[in-house]
PDB file of N, CA and C in Angstrom:
ATOM      1  N   MET A   1      41.812-149.094 -70.528  1.00  0.00           N
ATOM      2  CA  MET A   1      40.991-149.690 -71.559  1.00  0.00           C
ATOM      3  C   MET A   1      40.050-148.622 -72.093  1.00  0.00           C
ATOM      4  N   GLU A   2      39.888-148.613 -73.380  1.00  0.00           N
ATOM      5  CA  GLU A   2      39.051-147.594 -74.021  1.00  0.00           C
ATOM      6  C   GLU A   2      37.674-148.137 -74.347  1.00  0.00           C
ATOM      7  N   GLY A   3      36.653-147.419 -73.912  1.00  0.00           N
ATOM      8  CA  GLY A   3      35.293-147.712 -74.318  1.00  0.00           C
ATOM      9  C   GLY A   3      34.738-149.017 -73.771  1.00  0.00           C
ATOM     10  N   ASN A   4      33.434-149.089 -73.834  1.00  0.00           N
ATOM     11  CA  ASN A   4      32.724-150.282 -73.414  1.00  0.00           C
ATOM     12  C   ASN A   4      32.194-150.997 -74.638  1.00  0.00           C
ATOM     13  N   ILE A   5      32.032-152.302 -74.509  1.00  0.00           N
ATOM     14  CA  ILE A   5      31.389-153.069 -75.558  1.00  0.00           C
ATOM     15  C   ILE A   5      30.079-153.600 -74.989  1.00  0.00           C
ATOM     16  N   THR A   6      29.216-154.019 -75.871  1.00  0.00           N
ATOM     17  CA  THR A   6      27.952-154.608 -75.435  1.00  0.00           C
ATOM     18  C   THR A   6      28.138-156.110 -75.260  1.00  0.00           C
ATOM     19  N   PHE A   7      27.177-156.722 -74.602  1.00  0.00           N
ATOM     20  CA  PHE A   7      27.197-158.177 -74.462  1.00  0.00           C
ATOM     21  C   PHE A   7      27.151-158.832 -75.840  1.00  0.00           C
ATOM     22  N   GLU A   8      26.429-158.225 -76.757  1.00  0.00           N
ATOM     23  CA  GLU A   8      26.342-158.754 -78.128  1.00  0.00           C
ATOM     24  C   GLU A   8      27.719-158.730 -78.797  1.00  0.00           C
ATOM     25  N   ASP A   9      28.514-157.681 -78.509  1.00  0.00           N
ATOM     26  CA  ASP A   9      29.883-157.632 -79.032  1.00  0.00           C
ATOM     27  C   ASP A   9      30.696-158.805 -78.489  1.00  0.00           C
ATOM     28  N   PHE A  10      30.585-159.047 -77.190  1.00  0.00           N
ATOM     29  CA  PHE A  10      31.311-160.149 -76.557  1.00  0.00           C
ATOM     30  C   PHE A  10      30.933-161.484 -77.198  1.00  0.00           C
ATOM     31  N   LEU A  11      29.662-161.663 -77.490  1.00  0.00           N
ATOM     32  CA  LEU A  11      29.191-162.924 -78.064  1.00  0.00           C
ATOM     33  C   LEU A  11      29.768-163.190 -79.454  1.00  0.00           C
ATOM     34  N   LYS A  12      30.288-162.169 -80.104  1.00  0.00           N
ATOM     35  CA  LYS A  12      30.905-162.353 -81.422  1.00  0.00           C
ATOM     36  C   LYS A  12      32.221-163.115 -81.329  1.00  0.00           C
ATOM     37  N   LEU A  13      32.861-163.094 -80.146  1.00  0.00           N
ATOM     38  CA  LEU A  13      34.103-163.845 -79.965  1.00  0.00           C
ATOM     39  C   LEU A  13      33.786-165.324 -79.841  1.00  0.00           C
ATOM     40  N   ASP A  14      34.455-166.133 -80.636  1.00  0.00           N
ATOM     41  CA  ASP A  14      34.278-167.584 -80.566  1.00  0.00           C
ATOM     42  C   ASP A  14      35.509-168.167 -79.861  1.00  0.00           C
ATOM     43  N   MET A  15      35.377-168.384 -78.550  1.00  0.00           N
ATOM     44  CA  MET A  15      36.477-168.924 -77.746  1.00  0.00           C
ATOM     45  C   MET A  15      36.239-170.413 -77.542  1.00  0.00           C
ATOM     46  N   ARG A  16      37.271-171.202 -77.821  1.00  0.00           N
ATOM     47  CA  ARG A  16      37.157-172.657 -77.772  1.00  0.00           C
ATOM     48  C   ARG A  16      38.346-173.270 -77.046  1.00  0.00           C
ATOM     49  N   ILE A  17      38.116-174.487 -76.545  1.00  0.00           N
ATOM     50  CA  ILE A  17      39.175-175.289 -75.945  1.00  0.00           C
ATOM     51  C   ILE A  17      39.804-176.131 -77.054  1.00  0.00           C
ATOM     52  N   GLY A  18      41.127-176.179 -77.063  1.00  0.00           N
ATOM     53  CA  GLY A  18      41.843-177.015 -78.021  1.00  0.00           C
ATOM     54  C   GLY A  18      43.087-177.594 -77.379  1.00  0.00           C
ATOM     55  N   THR A  19      43.611-178.640 -77.996  1.00  0.00           N
ATOM     56  CA  THR A  19      44.817-179.306 -77.500  1.00  0.00           C
ATOM     57  C   THR A  19      45.975-179.060 -78.454  1.00  0.00           C
ATOM     58  N   ILE A  20      47.097-178.626 -77.902  1.00  0.00           N
ATOM     59  CA  ILE A  20      48.301-178.408 -78.712  1.00  0.00           C
ATOM     60  C   ILE A  20      48.848-179.765 -79.127  1.00  0.00           C
ATOM     61  N   ILE A  21      48.947-179.989 -80.426  1.00  0.00           N
ATOM     62  CA  ILE A  21      49.404-181.291 -80.920  1.00  0.00           C
ATOM     63  C   ILE A  21      50.775-181.219 -81.595  1.00  0.00           C
ATOM     64  N   GLU A  22      51.249-180.008 -81.864  1.00  0.00           N
ATOM     65  CA  GLU A  22      52.573-179.850 -82.484  1.00  0.00           C
ATOM     66  C   GLU A  22      53.121-178.481 -82.127  1.00  0.00           C
ATOM     67  N   ILE A  23      54.422-178.444 -81.814  1.00  0.00           N
ATOM     68  CA  ILE A  23      55.099-177.196 -81.457  1.00  0.00           C
ATOM     69  C   ILE A  23      56.396-177.122 -82.240  1.00  0.00           C
ATOM     70  N   ASN A  24      56.639-175.986 -82.880  1.00  0.00           N
ATOM     71  CA  ASN A  24      57.890-175.780 -83.605  1.00  0.00           C
ATOM     72  C   ASN A  24      58.489-174.434 -83.223  1.00  0.00           C
ATOM     73  N   ASP A  25      59.802-174.345 -83.243  1.00  0.00           N
ATOM     74  CA  ASP A  25      60.469-173.066 -83.049  1.00  0.00           C
ATOM     75  C   ASP A  25      60.065-172.133 -84.180  1.00  0.00           C
ATOM     76  N   PHE A  26      60.119-170.833 -83.926  1.00  0.00           N
ATOM     77  CA  PHE A  26      59.729-169.843 -84.919  1.00  0.00           C
ATOM     78  C   PHE A  26      60.834-168.792 -85.024  1.00  0.00           C
ATOM     79  N   PRO A  27      61.955-169.149 -85.649  1.00  0.00           N
ATOM     80  CA  PRO A  27      63.104-168.242 -85.695  1.00  0.00           C
ATOM     81  C   PRO A  27      62.861-166.951 -86.472  1.00  0.00           C
ATOM     82  N   LYS A  28      61.878-166.925 -87.383  1.00  0.00           N
ATOM     83  CA  LYS A  28      61.624-165.715 -88.173  1.00  0.00           C
ATOM     84  C   LYS A  28      60.735-164.700 -87.447  1.00  0.00           C
ATOM     85  N   ALA A  29      60.186-165.065 -86.300  1.00  0.00           N
ATOM     86  CA  ALA A  29      59.362-164.131 -85.527  1.00  0.00           C
ATOM     87  C   ALA A  29      60.255-163.034 -84.946  1.00  0.00           C
ATOM     88  N   ARG A  30      59.705-161.810 -84.832  1.00  0.00           N
ATOM     89  CA  ARG A  30      60.478-160.689 -84.279  1.00  0.00           C
ATOM     90  C   ARG A  30      60.822-160.910 -82.809  1.00  0.00           C
ATOM     91  N   LYS A  31      59.873-161.458 -82.052  1.00  0.00           N
ATOM     92  CA  LYS A  31      60.097-161.797 -80.653  1.00  0.00           C
ATOM     93  C   LYS A  31      60.065-163.314 -80.528  1.00  0.00           C
ATOM     94  N   PRO A  32      60.795-163.888 -79.570  1.00  0.00           N
ATOM     95  CA  PRO A  32      60.805-165.355 -79.435  1.00  0.00           C
ATOM     96  C   PRO A  32      59.378-165.915 -79.341  1.00  0.00           C
ATOM     97  N   ALA A  33      59.119-166.924 -80.182  1.00  0.00           N
ATOM     98  CA  ALA A  33      57.773-167.497 -80.245  1.00  0.00           C
ATOM     99  C   ALA A  33      57.842-168.945 -80.711  1.00  0.00           C
ATOM    100  N   TYR A  34      56.732-169.630 -80.515  1.00  0.00           N
ATOM    101  CA  TYR A  34      56.542-170.975 -81.061  1.00  0.00           C
ATOM    102  C   TYR A  34      55.454-170.911 -82.124  1.00  0.00           C
ATOM    103  N   GLN A  35      55.538-171.848 -83.066  1.00  0.00           N
ATOM    104  CA  GLN A  35      54.443-172.107 -83.992  1.00  0.00           C
ATOM    105  C   GLN A  35      53.692-173.303 -83.417  1.00  0.00           C
ATOM    106  N   LEU A  36      52.392-173.143 -83.192  1.00  0.00           N
ATOM    107  CA  LEU A  36      51.584-174.193 -82.592  1.00  0.00           C
ATOM    108  C   LEU A  36      50.556-174.713 -83.577  1.00  0.00           C
ATOM    109  N   LYS A  37      50.277-176.009 -83.513  1.00  0.00           N
ATOM    110  CA  LYS A  37      49.129-176.615 -84.182  1.00  0.00           C
ATOM    111  C   LYS A  37      48.208-177.063 -83.062  1.00  0.00           C
ATOM    112  N   ILE A  38      46.952-176.595 -83.133  1.00  0.00           N
ATOM    113  CA  ILE A  38      45.992-176.844 -82.059  1.00  0.00           C
ATOM    114  C   ILE A  38      44.783-177.578 -82.626  1.00  0.00           C
ATOM    115  N   ASP A  39      44.421-178.691 -81.985  1.00  0.00           N
ATOM    116  CA  ASP A  39      43.292-179.516 -82.402  1.00  0.00           C
ATOM    117  C   ASP A  39      42.024-179.019 -81.706  1.00  0.00           C
ATOM    118  N   PHE A  40      41.055-178.556 -82.507  1.00  0.00           N
ATOM    119  CA  PHE A  40      39.777-178.098 -81.986  1.00  0.00           C
ATOM    120  C   PHE A  40      38.662-179.094 -82.307  1.00  0.00           C
ATOM    121  N   GLY A  41      38.992-180.360 -82.327  1.00  0.00           N
ATOM    122  CA  GLY A  41      37.999-181.417 -82.550  1.00  0.00           C
ATOM    123  C   GLY A  41      37.348-181.287 -83.902  1.00  0.00           C
ATOM    124  N   SER A  42      36.016-181.284 -83.924  1.00  0.00           N
ATOM    125  CA  SER A  42      35.275-181.241 -85.190  1.00  0.00           C
ATOM    126  C   SER A  42      35.476-179.938 -85.952  1.00  0.00           C
ATOM    127  N   LEU A  43      36.042-178.910 -85.298  1.00  0.00           N
ATOM    128  CA  LEU A  43      36.313-177.635 -85.960  1.00  0.00           C
ATOM    129  C   LEU A  43      37.653-177.642 -86.693  1.00  0.00           C
ATOM    130  N   GLY A  44      38.424-178.704 -86.524  1.00  0.00           N
ATOM    131  CA  GLY A  44      39.680-178.850 -87.245  1.00  0.00           C
ATOM    132  C   GLY A  44      40.904-178.404 -86.464  1.00  0.00           C
ATOM    133  N   ILE A  45      42.022-178.393 -87.162  1.00  0.00           N
ATOM    134  CA  ILE A  45      43.313-178.015 -86.600  1.00  0.00           C
ATOM    135  C   ILE A  45      43.661-176.622 -87.099  1.00  0.00           C
ATOM    136  N   LYS A  46      44.073-175.770 -86.180  1.00  0.00           N
ATOM    137  CA  LYS A  46      44.424-174.394 -86.537  1.00  0.00           C
ATOM    138  C   LYS A  46      45.835-174.081 -86.061  1.00  0.00           C
ATOM    139  N   ASN A  47      46.495-173.174 -86.795  1.00  0.00           N
ATOM    140  CA  ASN A  47      47.838-172.714 -86.450  1.00  0.00           C
ATOM    141  C   ASN A  47      47.764-171.460 -85.598  1.00  0.00           C
ATOM    142  N   SER A  48      48.757-171.313 -84.717  1.00  0.00           N
ATOM    143  CA  SER A  48      48.867-170.096 -83.930  1.00  0.00           C
ATOM    144  C   SER A  48      50.334-169.823 -83.642  1.00  0.00           C
ATOM    145  N   SER A  49      50.689-168.554 -83.603  1.00  0.00           N
ATOM    146  CA  SER A  49      52.011-168.130 -83.159  1.00  0.00           C
ATOM    147  C   SER A  49      51.845-167.618 -81.737  1.00  0.00           C
ATOM    148  N   ALA A  50      52.703-168.074 -80.826  1.00  0.00           N
ATOM    149  CA  ALA A  50      52.553-167.672 -79.423  1.00  0.00           C
ATOM    150  C   ALA A  50      53.911-167.327 -78.819  1.00  0.00           C
ATOM    151  N   GLN A  51      53.976-166.159 -78.206  1.00  0.00           N
ATOM    152  CA  GLN A  51      55.205-165.694 -77.543  1.00  0.00           C
ATOM    153  C   GLN A  51      55.229-166.211 -76.110  1.00  0.00           C
ATOM    154  N   ILE A  52      55.449-167.516 -75.978  1.00  0.00           N
ATOM    155  CA  ILE A  52      55.395-168.174 -74.671  1.00  0.00           C
ATOM    156  C   ILE A  52      56.658-168.976 -74.384  1.00  0.00           C
ATOM    157  N   THR A  53      57.732-168.642 -75.066  1.00  0.00           N
ATOM    158  CA  THR A  53      58.965-169.427 -74.941  1.00  0.00           C
ATOM    159  C   THR A  53      59.659-169.252 -73.595  1.00  0.00           C
ATOM    160  N   ASN A  54      59.411-168.153 -72.895  1.00  0.00           N
ATOM    161  CA  ASN A  54      60.093-167.926 -71.617  1.00  0.00           C
ATOM    162  C   ASN A  54      59.592-168.844 -70.510  1.00  0.00           C
ATOM    163  N   LEU A  55      58.320-169.173 -70.522  1.00  0.00           N
ATOM    164  CA  LEU A  55      57.748-169.966 -69.434  1.00  0.00           C
ATOM    165  C   LEU A  55      57.460-171.420 -69.793  1.00  0.00           C
ATOM    166  N   TYR A  56      57.430-171.747 -71.089  1.00  0.00           N
ATOM    167  CA  TYR A  56      57.011-173.086 -71.502  1.00  0.00           C
ATOM    168  C   TYR A  56      58.008-173.711 -72.461  1.00  0.00           C
ATOM    169  N   THR A  57      58.357-174.966 -72.210  1.00  0.00           N
ATOM    170  CA  THR A  57      59.160-175.736 -73.159  1.00  0.00           C
ATOM    171  C   THR A  57      58.213-176.424 -74.135  1.00  0.00           C
ATOM    172  N   LYS A  58      58.754-176.868 -75.248  1.00  0.00           N
ATOM    173  CA  LYS A  58      57.935-177.592 -76.209  1.00  0.00           C
ATOM    174  C   LYS A  58      57.358-178.858 -75.577  1.00  0.00           C
ATOM    175  N   GLU A  59      58.146-179.512 -74.736  1.00  0.00           N
ATOM    176  CA  GLU A  59      57.690-180.743 -74.079  1.00  0.00           C
ATOM    177  C   GLU A  59      56.511-180.464 -73.138  1.00  0.00           C
ATOM    178  N   GLU A  60      56.552-179.333 -72.438  1.00  0.00           N
ATOM    179  CA  GLU A  60      55.452-178.963 -71.537  1.00  0.00           C
ATOM    180  C   GLU A  60      54.180-178.630 -72.302  1.00  0.00           C
ATOM    181  N   LEU A  61      54.325-178.084 -73.493  1.00  0.00           N
ATOM    182  CA  LEU A  61      53.166-177.644 -74.268  1.00  0.00           C
ATOM    183  C   LEU A  61      52.457-178.773 -75.002  1.00  0.00           C
ATOM    184  N   LEU A  62      53.201-179.819 -75.364  1.00  0.00           N
ATOM    185  CA  LEU A  62      52.602-180.909 -76.123  1.00  0.00           C
ATOM    186  C   LEU A  62      51.459-181.526 -75.325  1.00  0.00           C
ATOM    187  N   ASN A  63      50.296-181.606 -75.939  1.00  0.00           N
ATOM    188  CA  ASN A  63      49.070-182.167 -75.364  1.00  0.00           C
ATOM    189  C   ASN A  63      48.440-181.294 -74.278  1.00  0.00           C
ATOM    190  N   LYS A  64      48.890-180.049 -74.146  1.00  0.00           N
ATOM    191  CA  LYS A  64      48.287-179.115 -73.192  1.00  0.00           C
ATOM    192  C   LYS A  64      47.044-178.494 -73.829  1.00  0.00           C
ATOM    193  N   GLN A  65      45.970-178.418 -73.050  1.00  0.00           N
ATOM    194  CA  GLN A  65      44.775-177.754 -73.538  1.00  0.00           C
ATOM    195  C   GLN A  65      44.886-176.260 -73.274  1.00  0.00           C
ATOM    196  N   VAL A  66      44.422-175.467 -74.242  1.00  0.00           N
ATOM    197  CA  VAL A  66      44.469-174.019 -74.146  1.00  0.00           C
ATOM    198  C   VAL A  66      43.123-173.446 -74.587  1.00  0.00           C
ATOM    199  N   ILE A  67      42.905-172.196 -74.236  1.00  0.00           N
ATOM    200  CA  ILE A  67      41.719-171.463 -74.668  1.00  0.00           C
ATOM    201  C   ILE A  67      42.152-170.500 -75.763  1.00  0.00           C
ATOM    202  N   SER A  68      41.424-170.506 -76.869  1.00  0.00           N
ATOM    203  CA  SER A  68      41.784-169.667 -78.007  1.00  0.00           C
ATOM    204  C   SER A  68      40.554-169.004 -78.603  1.00  0.00           C
ATOM    205  N   VAL A  69      40.761-167.820 -79.178  1.00  0.00           N
ATOM    206  CA  VAL A  69      39.741-167.176 -80.000  1.00  0.00           C
ATOM    207  C   VAL A  69      39.987-167.693 -81.413  1.00  0.00           C
ATOM    208  N   ILE A  70      38.955-168.329 -81.992  1.00  0.00           N
ATOM    209  CA  ILE A  70      39.174-168.978 -83.293  1.00  0.00           C
ATOM    210  C   ILE A  70      38.534-168.253 -84.467  1.00  0.00           C
ATOM    211  N   ASN A  71      37.853-167.130 -84.214  1.00  0.00           N
ATOM    212  CA  ASN A  71      37.182-166.467 -85.342  1.00  0.00           C
ATOM    213  C   ASN A  71      37.767-165.095 -85.685  1.00  0.00           C
ATOM    214  N   PHE A  72      39.025-164.865 -85.312  1.00  0.00           N
ATOM    215  CA  PHE A  72      39.718-163.686 -85.821  1.00  0.00           C
ATOM    216  C   PHE A  72      40.135-163.951 -87.259  1.00  0.00           C
ATOM    217  N   LYS A  73      40.262-162.905 -88.033  1.00  0.00           N
ATOM    218  CA  LYS A  73      40.796-163.025 -89.385  1.00  0.00           C
ATOM    219  C   LYS A  73      42.228-163.552 -89.276  1.00  0.00           C
ATOM    220  N   PRO A  74      42.625-164.551 -90.087  1.00  0.00           N
ATOM    221  CA  PRO A  74      44.011-165.048 -90.035  1.00  0.00           C
ATOM    222  C   PRO A  74      45.011-163.916 -90.228  1.00  0.00           C
ATOM    223  N   ARG A  75      46.156-164.054 -89.557  1.00  0.00           N
ATOM    224  CA  ARG A  75      47.166-162.992 -89.573  1.00  0.00           C
ATOM    225  C   ARG A  75      48.523-163.555 -89.984  1.00  0.00           C
ATOM    226  N   GLN A  76      49.130-162.907 -90.972  1.00  0.00           N
ATOM    227  CA  GLN A  76      50.459-163.312 -91.441  1.00  0.00           C
ATOM    228  C   GLN A  76      51.504-162.796 -90.453  1.00  0.00           C
ATOM    229  N   ILE A  77      52.293-163.701 -89.891  1.00  0.00           N
ATOM    230  CA  ILE A  77      53.386-163.342 -88.998  1.00  0.00           C
ATOM    231  C   ILE A  77      54.646-163.950 -89.603  1.00  0.00           C
ATOM    232  N   ALA A  78      55.495-163.071 -90.147  1.00  0.00           N
ATOM    233  CA  ALA A  78      56.675-163.519 -90.924  1.00  0.00           C
ATOM    234  C   ALA A  78      56.180-164.464 -92.018  1.00  0.00           C
ATOM    235  N   ASN A  79      56.681-165.697 -92.047  1.00  0.00           N
ATOM    236  CA  ASN A  79      56.303-166.652 -93.096  1.00  0.00           C
ATOM    237  C   ASN A  79      55.234-167.637 -92.623  1.00  0.00           C
ATOM    238  N   PHE A  80      54.473-167.269 -91.586  1.00  0.00           N
ATOM    239  CA  PHE A  80      53.530-168.186 -90.938  1.00  0.00           C
ATOM    240  C   PHE A  80      52.155-167.527 -90.845  1.00  0.00           C
ATOM    241  N   MET A  81      51.101-168.284 -91.145  1.00  0.00           N
ATOM    242  CA  MET A  81      49.738-167.778 -91.042  1.00  0.00           C
ATOM    243  C   MET A  81      49.139-168.246 -89.718  1.00  0.00           C
ATOM    244  N   SER A  82      48.872-167.289 -88.833  1.00  0.00           N
ATOM    245  CA  SER A  82      48.273-167.579 -87.532  1.00  0.00           C
ATOM    246  C   SER A  82      46.755-167.490 -87.675  1.00  0.00           C
ATOM    247  N   GLU A  83      46.064-168.570 -87.307  1.00  0.00           N
ATOM    248  CA  GLU A  83      44.622-168.669 -87.545  1.00  0.00           C
ATOM    249  C   GLU A  83      43.772-168.508 -86.283  1.00  0.00           C
ATOM    250  N   CYS A  84      44.409-168.474 -85.137  1.00  0.00           N
ATOM    251  CA  CYS A  84      43.677-168.296 -83.885  1.00  0.00           C
ATOM    252  C   CYS A  84      44.593-167.624 -82.874  1.00  0.00           C
ATOM    253  N   LEU A  85      43.986-167.076 -81.812  1.00  0.00           N
ATOM    254  CA  LEU A  85      44.743-166.381 -80.783  1.00  0.00           C
ATOM    255  C   LEU A  85      44.642-167.163 -79.479  1.00  0.00           C
ATOM    256  N   VAL A  86      45.770-167.695 -79.029  1.00  0.00           N
ATOM    257  CA  VAL A  86      45.826-168.397 -77.760  1.00  0.00           C
ATOM    258  C   VAL A  86      45.788-167.345 -76.650  1.00  0.00           C
ATOM    259  N   LEU A  87      44.920-167.540 -75.662  1.00  0.00           N
ATOM    260  CA  LEU A  87      44.730-166.540 -74.624  1.00  0.00           C
ATOM    261  C   LEU A  87      45.662-166.758 -73.432  1.00  0.00           C
ATOM    262  N   GLY A  88      46.150-165.656 -72.913  1.00  0.00           N
ATOM    263  CA  GLY A  88      47.015-165.686 -71.745  1.00  0.00           C
ATOM    264  C   GLY A  88      47.004-164.333 -71.064  1.00  0.00           C
ATOM    265  N   VAL A  89      47.690-164.263 -69.944  1.00  0.00           N
ATOM    266  CA  VAL A  89      47.831-163.009 -69.209  1.00  0.00           C
ATOM    267  C   VAL A  89      49.313-162.757 -68.973  1.00  0.00           C
ATOM    268  N   TYR A  90      49.673-161.480 -68.896  1.00  0.00           N
ATOM    269  CA  TYR A  90      51.065-161.132 -68.629  1.00  0.00           C
ATOM    270  C   TYR A  90      51.341-161.176 -67.136  1.00  0.00           C
ATOM    271  N   LYS A  91      52.437-161.811 -66.787  1.00  0.00           N
ATOM    272  CA  LYS A  91      52.949-161.813 -65.419  1.00  0.00           C
ATOM    273  C   LYS A  91      54.454-161.623 -65.527  1.00  0.00           C
ATOM    274  N   ASP A  92      54.960-160.536 -64.972  1.00  0.00           N
ATOM    275  CA  ASP A  92      56.399-160.246 -65.018  1.00  0.00           C
ATOM    276  C   ASP A  92      56.927-160.284 -66.457  1.00  0.00           C
ATOM    277  N   ASN A  93      56.186-159.699 -67.399  1.00  0.00           N
ATOM    278  CA  ASN A  93      56.565-159.604 -68.817  1.00  0.00           C
ATOM    279  C   ASN A  93      56.590-160.947 -69.538  1.00  0.00           C
ATOM    280  N   ASN A  94      55.960-161.965 -68.983  1.00  0.00           N
ATOM    281  CA  ASN A  94      55.837-163.267 -69.635  1.00  0.00           C
ATOM    282  C   ASN A  94      54.364-163.621 -69.750  1.00  0.00           C
ATOM    283  N   VAL A  95      54.014-164.368 -70.799  1.00  0.00           N
ATOM    284  CA  VAL A  95      52.631-164.769 -70.995  1.00  0.00           C
ATOM    285  C   VAL A  95      52.375-166.094 -70.279  1.00  0.00           C
ATOM    286  N   VAL A  96      51.357-166.088 -69.417  1.00  0.00           N
ATOM    287  CA  VAL A  96      50.894-167.292 -68.736  1.00  0.00           C
ATOM    288  C   VAL A  96      49.602-167.713 -69.430  1.00  0.00           C
ATOM    289  N   LEU A  97      49.557-168.934 -69.923  1.00  0.00           N
ATOM    290  CA  LEU A  97      48.399-169.417 -70.673  1.00  0.00           C
ATOM    291  C   LEU A  97      47.171-169.587 -69.790  1.00  0.00           C
ATOM    292  N   LEU A  98      46.005-169.243 -70.347  1.00  0.00           N
ATOM    293  CA  LEU A  98      44.736-169.533 -69.695  1.00  0.00           C
ATOM    294  C   LEU A  98      44.328-170.944 -70.083  1.00  0.00           C
ATOM    295  N   GLN A  99      43.798-171.680 -69.124  1.00  0.00           N
ATOM    296  CA  GLN A  99      43.369-173.041 -69.428  1.00  0.00           C
ATOM    297  C   GLN A  99      42.289-173.481 -68.454  1.00  0.00           C
ATOM    298  N   ALA A 100      41.566-174.532 -68.828  1.00  0.00           N
ATOM    299  CA  ALA A 100      40.517-175.087 -67.978  1.00  0.00           C
ATOM    300  C   ALA A 100      41.167-175.892 -66.855  1.00  0.00           C
ATOM    301  N   SER A 101      40.471-175.999 -65.737  1.00  0.00           N
ATOM    302  CA  SER A 101      41.007-176.742 -64.597  1.00  0.00           C
ATOM    303  C   SER A 101      40.809-178.253 -64.739  1.00  0.00           C
ATOM    304  N   GLU A 102      40.006-178.670 -65.724  1.00  0.00           N
ATOM    305  CA  GLU A 102      39.793-180.086 -66.013  1.00  0.00           C
ATOM    306  C   GLU A 102      39.912-180.299 -67.515  1.00  0.00           C
ATOM    307  N   THR A 103      40.141-181.551 -67.928  1.00  0.00           N
ATOM    308  CA  THR A 103      40.196-181.877 -69.346  1.00  0.00           C
ATOM    309  C   THR A 103      38.804-181.711 -69.949  1.00  0.00           C
ATOM    310  N   ILE A 104      38.746-181.001 -71.073  1.00  0.00           N
ATOM    311  CA  ILE A 104      37.493-180.687 -71.755  1.00  0.00           C
ATOM    312  C   ILE A 104      37.594-181.188 -73.198  1.00  0.00           C
ATOM    313  N   LYS A 105      36.481-181.603 -73.774  1.00  0.00           N
ATOM    314  CA  LYS A 105      36.453-182.061 -75.166  1.00  0.00           C
ATOM    315  C   LYS A 105      36.922-180.937 -76.077  1.00  0.00           C
ATOM    316  N   ASN A 106      37.851-181.240 -76.980  1.00  0.00           N
ATOM    317  CA  ASN A 106      38.343-180.255 -77.948  1.00  0.00           C
ATOM    318  C   ASN A 106      37.188-179.678 -78.752  1.00  0.00           C
ATOM    319  N   GLY A 107      37.235-178.352 -78.896  1.00  0.00           N
ATOM    320  CA  GLY A 107      36.210-177.649 -79.652  1.00  0.00           C
ATOM    321  C   GLY A 107      35.083-177.104 -78.793  1.00  0.00           C
ATOM    322  N   THR A 108      35.066-177.457 -77.506  1.00  0.00           N
ATOM    323  CA  THR A 108      34.017-176.961 -76.622  1.00  0.00           C
ATOM    324  C   THR A 108      34.104-175.442 -76.523  1.00  0.00           C
ATOM    325  N   GLN A 109      32.968-174.793 -76.633  1.00  0.00           N
ATOM    326  CA  GLN A 109      32.921-173.340 -76.599  1.00  0.00           C
ATOM    327  C   GLN A 109      33.009-172.820 -75.174  1.00  0.00           C
ATOM    328  N   VAL A 110      33.780-171.756 -74.998  1.00  0.00           N
ATOM    329  CA  VAL A 110      33.879-171.080 -73.707  1.00  0.00           C
ATOM    330  C   VAL A 110      32.762-170.056 -73.645  1.00  0.00           C
ATOM    331  N   ASN A 111      31.993-170.087 -72.569  1.00  0.00           N
ATOM    332  CA  ASN A 111      30.924-169.101 -72.430  1.00  0.00           C
ATOM    333  C   ASN A 111      30.728-168.713 -70.988  1.00  0.00           C
TER     334      ASN A 111
END
């Protein structure tokens, strides 16, 4: 990892809990991915592209709560606009989603 950031830099990240409410295949993505719609409560519904097809089925993802960074600039991925970044960690070249251990109100800020 390069360089250190300040605590103030960290505070610029807006990480929130949201619930996946829709999952679609994303055949135009370069790597296998899903198109997700995530409900962040009063903050609205945001789209995300996630390369999580190896470990998660669409059925497993529906209604799953995830942690996402919601204040990145939207990013065009093929024909899809990704508006937030779902957080995960790599394990054996697959992404494992980060999530809360209990159900949390959508839109709750992670701090």
